Amino acid sequence: MFDDDTPVIRNDDPMYKLLRAGKVREFNERRAAGEACDLSGCDLRGLDLRGLDADGLDLSNSYLRQADLRGVDLTGARLEGASIHAAKISGVYFPKALAPEEIRLSLEHGTRLRYR
């Protein structure tokens, strides 16, 4: 369950640690080189994720509250159950299966994203 008191943190995943440390470029390079990563159910709140190559990422059930996602192409990412409450989303491309109402409700109220 996600709320402000109990974020999910995967301390053991080196790829997750890169994002937590703000090393988006290194994250992208290591993924491009074939390193696996699973970001489902992760606490990514408040992170600057601009420049993230999100194609094929599993961000389902992740907590993206107040994350800076500006300009990120999320069309190839899995977002089912993720929350983007108060995130910066200017220029973000969302999957077509996500209705604008779902995005707005998650952005404004923190509801979980649901695909059509």
Protein backbone atom coordinates (compact mmCIF):
# COMPACT_ATOMS: atom_id res chain seq x y z
CA MET A 1 0.00 0.00 0.00
CA PHE A 2 1.23 3.48 -0.84
CA ASP A 3 0.91 6.56 1.27
CA ASP A 4 3.29 9.18 2.59
CA ASP A 5 4.16 7.09 5.65
CA THR A 6 5.04 3.82 3.95
CA PRO A 7 6.89 4.30 0.66
CA VAL A 8 8.23 1.25 -1.11
CA ILE A 9 12.01 1.41 -1.46
CA ARG A 10 14.14 -1.15 -3.24
CA ASN A 11 17.53 -0.59 -1.68
CA ASP A 12 18.94 -3.72 -3.30
CA ASP A 13 18.42 -2.79 -6.98
CA PRO A 14 21.49 -1.01 -8.42
CA MET A 15 19.46 0.50 -11.27
CA TYR A 16 16.96 1.94 -8.81
CA LYS A 17 19.86 3.38 -6.80
CA LEU A 18 21.09 5.19 -9.90
CA LEU A 19 17.78 6.98 -10.28
CA ARG A 20 17.66 7.82 -6.57
CA ALA A 21 21.13 9.34 -6.95
CA GLY A 22 20.02 11.45 -9.94
CA LYS A 23 22.14 9.50 -12.43
CA VAL A 24 19.56 9.29 -15.22
CA ARG A 25 22.18 9.32 -17.99
CA GLU A 26 24.09 6.39 -16.45
CA PHE A 27 20.79 4.56 -15.90
CA ASN A 28 19.94 4.97 -19.60
CA GLU A 29 23.41 3.83 -20.69
CA ARG A 30 23.33 0.71 -18.54
CA ARG A 31 19.83 -0.20 -19.74
CA ALA A 32 20.92 0.30 -23.35
CA ALA A 33 23.81 -2.07 -22.64
CA GLY A 34 21.30 -4.74 -21.57
CA GLU A 35 21.20 -4.40 -17.80
CA ALA A 36 17.82 -5.48 -16.44
CA CYS A 37 15.73 -3.34 -14.18
CA ASP A 38 12.32 -3.59 -12.55
CA LEU A 39 10.88 -0.35 -11.21
CA SER A 40 7.43 -1.72 -10.43
CA GLY A 41 6.21 -0.69 -7.00
CA CYS A 42 9.11 1.72 -6.43
CA ASP A 43 9.17 5.03 -4.59
CA LEU A 44 10.31 7.54 -7.21
CA ARG A 45 8.71 10.56 -5.60
CA GLY A 46 10.40 13.90 -5.99
CA LEU A 47 13.06 12.59 -8.40
CA ASP A 48 14.23 14.53 -11.44
CA LEU A 49 13.64 11.99 -14.20
CA ARG A 50 14.01 14.35 -17.16
CA GLY A 51 15.87 12.60 -19.96
CA LEU A 52 14.79 9.14 -18.79
CA ASP A 53 14.49 6.57 -21.57
CA ALA A 54 11.28 4.98 -20.33
CA ASP A 55 10.64 2.73 -23.32
CA GLY A 56 9.81 -0.73 -21.99
CA LEU A 57 10.08 0.25 -18.31
CA ASP A 58 7.70 -1.34 -15.84
CA LEU A 59 6.59 1.54 -13.61
CA SER A 60 3.39 -0.19 -12.55
CA ASN A 61 2.32 0.60 -9.00
CA SER A 62 5.17 3.09 -8.66
CA TYR A 63 4.88 6.25 -6.67
CA LEU A 64 5.87 9.26 -8.81
CA ARG A 65 4.55 12.01 -6.54
CA GLN A 66 6.17 15.36 -7.35
CA ALA A 67 8.64 13.72 -9.75
CA ASP A 68 9.92 15.86 -12.60
CA LEU A 69 8.85 13.97 -15.71
CA ARG A 70 8.97 16.90 -18.12
CA GLY A 71 9.60 15.77 -21.68
CA VAL A 72 9.70 12.04 -20.85
CA ASP A 73 8.12 9.71 -23.41
CA LEU A 74 6.09 7.22 -21.40
CA THR A 75 4.22 5.73 -24.37
CA GLY A 76 6.21 2.49 -24.13
CA ALA A 77 6.19 2.27 -20.33
CA ARG A 78 3.80 0.26 -18.17
CA LEU A 79 2.01 2.65 -15.77
CA GLU A 80 -0.94 0.60 -14.50
CA GLY A 81 -1.48 1.48 -10.84
CA ALA A 82 1.16 4.23 -10.73
CA SER A 83 0.43 7.58 -9.11
CA ILE A 84 1.69 10.90 -10.50
CA HIS A 85 0.27 13.21 -7.84
CA ALA A 86 1.64 16.77 -8.25
CA ALA A 87 4.29 15.60 -10.74
CA LYS A 88 5.67 17.96 -13.38
CA ILE A 89 4.31 16.55 -16.64
CA SER A 90 4.77 19.30 -19.22
CA GLY A 91 5.67 17.71 -22.54
CA VAL A 92 5.13 14.14 -21.32
CA TYR A 93 3.79 11.58 -23.78
CA PHE A 94 1.46 9.12 -22.05
CA PRO A 95 0.31 5.74 -23.37
CA LYS A 96 -2.76 6.06 -25.60
CA ALA A 97 -4.58 3.55 -23.38
CA LEU A 98 -4.59 6.11 -20.54
CA ALA A 99 -7.60 8.40 -20.74
CA PRO A 100 -6.94 12.10 -20.08
CA GLU A 101 -9.34 11.91 -17.12
CA GLU A 102 -7.21 9.19 -15.52
CA ILE A 103 -4.09 11.32 -15.89
CA ARG A 104 -5.82 14.39 -14.46
CA LEU A 105 -7.25 12.50 -11.48
CA SER A 106 -3.87 11.00 -10.67
CA LEU A 107 -2.10 14.34 -11.07
CA GLU A 108 -4.59 16.27 -8.94
CA HIS A 109 -5.72 13.67 -6.41
CA GLY A 110 -3.13 10.89 -6.44
CA THR A 111 -5.44 8.20 -7.75
CA ARG A 112 -3.88 5.15 -9.40
CA LEU A 113 -3.65 5.19 -13.18
CA ARG A 114 -6.02 2.72 -14.84
CA TYR A 115 -5.93 1.73 -18.48
CA ARG A 116 -9.10 1.79 -20.60
